[in-house]
Structure formats: structure tokens, C-alpha cells
Amino acid sequence: MKDRYNKEIKLFGERLKEIRLYREMIQLDLGEAIGMERSEISKMEHGKKNVEFNTLVRLSEALNVNLYDFFSPTFERN
């Protein structure tokens, strides 16, 4: 179970980075938009930090995506 959990956190981080780069944001900008340090964004993107739900909501708002975009097989670029 722990391995799957870690895999899911890593996949989320990869998707977060993909969306951030698509939106042409650097980690510092995203961190400032949600009230978090750049290093925390980096930890999330590298699968080293679990993301709380309220942080997930703030990320989706800052990146202008739906919550499910972080978890769907493909990111709907709009």
C-alpha cells in the first residue's frame, strides 16, 4: 500500500509540474500565488511532500484548472 501511495504522490507531482510549465509559471510565481515557499512547490513536484486538500484547491485556482486535471490520464490544455 505504501508503494502505491508514494507512486500516486509522485504522479501528482509530475502532473503539477506539467500544468505549471504549460501555464508558463516558475515555482516562485506559483508559490507566491498560493502563499507557499518555492521549495515547497519543488517538494510537491518531486513527490516528496503530501498535498493537503486546501492546498490542492489553491493550486487549481492559481493554475486555472479543475481539480480532476491533476488526476486525469491526460491534461486538457485550454
C-alpha atoms as a PDB file:
ATOM      1  CA  MET A   1       0.000   0.000   0.000  1.00  0.00           C
ATOM      2  CA  LYS A   2       2.795   2.413   0.897  1.00  0.00           C
ATOM      3  CA  ASP A   3       4.454   1.900  -2.505  1.00  0.00           C
ATOM      4  CA  ARG A   4       1.214   2.718  -4.323  1.00  0.00           C
ATOM      5  CA  TYR A   5       0.711   5.766  -2.114  1.00  0.00           C
ATOM      6  CA  ASN A   6       4.217   7.005  -2.916  1.00  0.00           C
ATOM      7  CA  LYS A   7       3.655   6.324  -6.617  1.00  0.00           C
ATOM      8  CA  GLU A   8       0.450   8.386  -6.604  1.00  0.00           C
ATOM      9  CA  ILE A   9       2.173  11.308  -4.867  1.00  0.00           C
ATOM     10  CA  LYS A  10       4.943  11.193  -7.468  1.00  0.00           C
ATOM     11  CA  LEU A  11       2.437  11.071 -10.350  1.00  0.00           C
ATOM     12  CA  PHE A  12       0.604  14.054  -8.870  1.00  0.00           C
ATOM     13  CA  GLY A  13       3.885  15.970  -8.676  1.00  0.00           C
ATOM     14  CA  GLU A  14       4.680  15.232 -12.289  1.00  0.00           C
ATOM     15  CA  ARG A  15       1.239  16.443 -13.367  1.00  0.00           C
ATOM     16  CA  LEU A  16       1.572  19.570 -11.210  1.00  0.00           C
ATOM     17  CA  LYS A  17       4.853  20.408 -12.920  1.00  0.00           C
ATOM     18  CA  GLU A  18       3.397  19.701 -16.366  1.00  0.00           C
ATOM     19  CA  ILE A  19       0.487  22.070 -15.743  1.00  0.00           C
ATOM     20  CA  ARG A  20       2.709  24.746 -14.169  1.00  0.00           C
ATOM     21  CA  LEU A  21       5.047  24.705 -17.154  1.00  0.00           C
ATOM     22  CA  TYR A  22       2.111  24.781 -19.567  1.00  0.00           C
ATOM     23  CA  ARG A  23       0.863  27.885 -17.764  1.00  0.00           C
ATOM     24  CA  GLU A  24       4.400  29.320 -18.136  1.00  0.00           C
ATOM     25  CA  MET A  25       4.873  29.802 -14.408  1.00  0.00           C
ATOM     26  CA  ILE A  26       8.019  29.319 -12.398  1.00  0.00           C
ATOM     27  CA  GLN A  27       7.876  27.665  -8.986  1.00  0.00           C
ATOM     28  CA  LEU A  28       8.398  31.014  -7.271  1.00  0.00           C
ATOM     29  CA  ASP A  29       5.352  32.546  -9.010  1.00  0.00           C
ATOM     30  CA  LEU A  30       3.148  29.578  -8.160  1.00  0.00           C
ATOM     31  CA  GLY A  31       4.339  29.607  -4.569  1.00  0.00           C
ATOM     32  CA  GLU A  32       3.559  33.296  -4.223  1.00  0.00           C
ATOM     33  CA  ALA A  33       0.128  32.790  -5.787  1.00  0.00           C
ATOM     34  CA  ILE A  34      -0.845  30.223  -3.160  1.00  0.00           C
ATOM     35  CA  GLY A  35       1.120  31.581  -0.189  1.00  0.00           C
ATOM     36  CA  MET A  36       3.824  28.930  -0.131  1.00  0.00           C
ATOM     37  CA  GLU A  37       7.604  28.886  -0.429  1.00  0.00           C
ATOM     38  CA  ARG A  38       9.160  27.881  -3.760  1.00  0.00           C
ATOM     39  CA  SER A  39      10.907  24.990  -2.017  1.00  0.00           C
ATOM     40  CA  GLU A  40       7.513  23.544  -1.009  1.00  0.00           C
ATOM     41  CA  ILE A  41       6.371  23.615  -4.647  1.00  0.00           C
ATOM     42  CA  SER A  42       9.571  21.790  -5.578  1.00  0.00           C
ATOM     43  CA  LYS A  43       8.939  19.133  -2.921  1.00  0.00           C
ATOM     44  CA  MET A  44       5.413  18.578  -4.250  1.00  0.00           C
ATOM     45  CA  GLU A  45       6.643  18.293  -7.831  1.00  0.00           C
ATOM     46  CA  HIS A  46       9.291  15.745  -6.834  1.00  0.00           C
ATOM     47  CA  GLY A  47       6.831  13.641  -4.838  1.00  0.00           C
ATOM     48  CA  LYS A  48       8.461  14.461  -1.513  1.00  0.00           C
ATOM     49  CA  LYS A  49       5.533  16.313   0.025  1.00  0.00           C
ATOM     50  CA  ASN A  50       1.973  15.215   0.526  1.00  0.00           C
ATOM     51  CA  VAL A  51      -0.575  17.827  -0.524  1.00  0.00           C
ATOM     52  CA  GLU A  52      -3.454  18.807   1.729  1.00  0.00           C
ATOM     53  CA  PHE A  53      -6.851  19.306   0.136  1.00  0.00           C
ATOM     54  CA  ASN A  54      -6.955  23.059   0.755  1.00  0.00           C
ATOM     55  CA  THR A  55      -3.547  23.378  -0.938  1.00  0.00           C
ATOM     56  CA  LEU A  56      -4.853  21.356  -3.868  1.00  0.00           C
ATOM     57  CA  VAL A  57      -7.773  23.771  -4.231  1.00  0.00           C
ATOM     58  CA  ARG A  58      -5.436  26.786  -4.123  1.00  0.00           C
ATOM     59  CA  LEU A  59      -3.187  25.149  -6.747  1.00  0.00           C
ATOM     60  CA  SER A  60      -6.125  24.524  -9.062  1.00  0.00           C
ATOM     61  CA  GLU A  61      -7.272  28.131  -8.707  1.00  0.00           C
ATOM     62  CA  ALA A  62      -3.790  29.576  -9.283  1.00  0.00           C
ATOM     63  CA  LEU A  63      -3.230  27.363 -12.336  1.00  0.00           C
ATOM     64  CA  ASN A  64      -6.783  27.844 -13.616  1.00  0.00           C
ATOM     65  CA  VAL A  65      -7.546  24.115 -13.851  1.00  0.00           C
ATOM     66  CA  ASN A  66     -10.151  21.792 -12.389  1.00  0.00           C
ATOM     67  CA  LEU A  67      -9.166  19.525  -9.520  1.00  0.00           C
ATOM     68  CA  TYR A  68      -9.589  16.440 -11.696  1.00  0.00           C
ATOM     69  CA  ASP A  69      -6.937  17.755 -14.118  1.00  0.00           C
ATOM     70  CA  PHE A  70      -4.315  16.792 -11.551  1.00  0.00           C
ATOM     71  CA  PHE A  71      -5.504  13.174 -11.614  1.00  0.00           C
ATOM     72  CA  SER A  72      -6.841  12.526 -15.120  1.00  0.00           C
ATOM     73  CA  PRO A  73      -4.750  10.443 -17.531  1.00  0.00           C
ATOM     74  CA  THR A  74      -4.295  13.443 -19.807  1.00  0.00           C
ATOM     75  CA  PHE A  75      -4.269  17.151 -19.073  1.00  0.00           C
ATOM     76  CA  GLU A  76      -6.905  19.069 -21.078  1.00  0.00           C
ATOM     77  CA  ARG A  77      -4.984  22.053 -22.400  1.00  0.00           C
ATOM     78  CA  ASN A  78      -7.310  25.006 -22.748  1.00  0.00           C
END
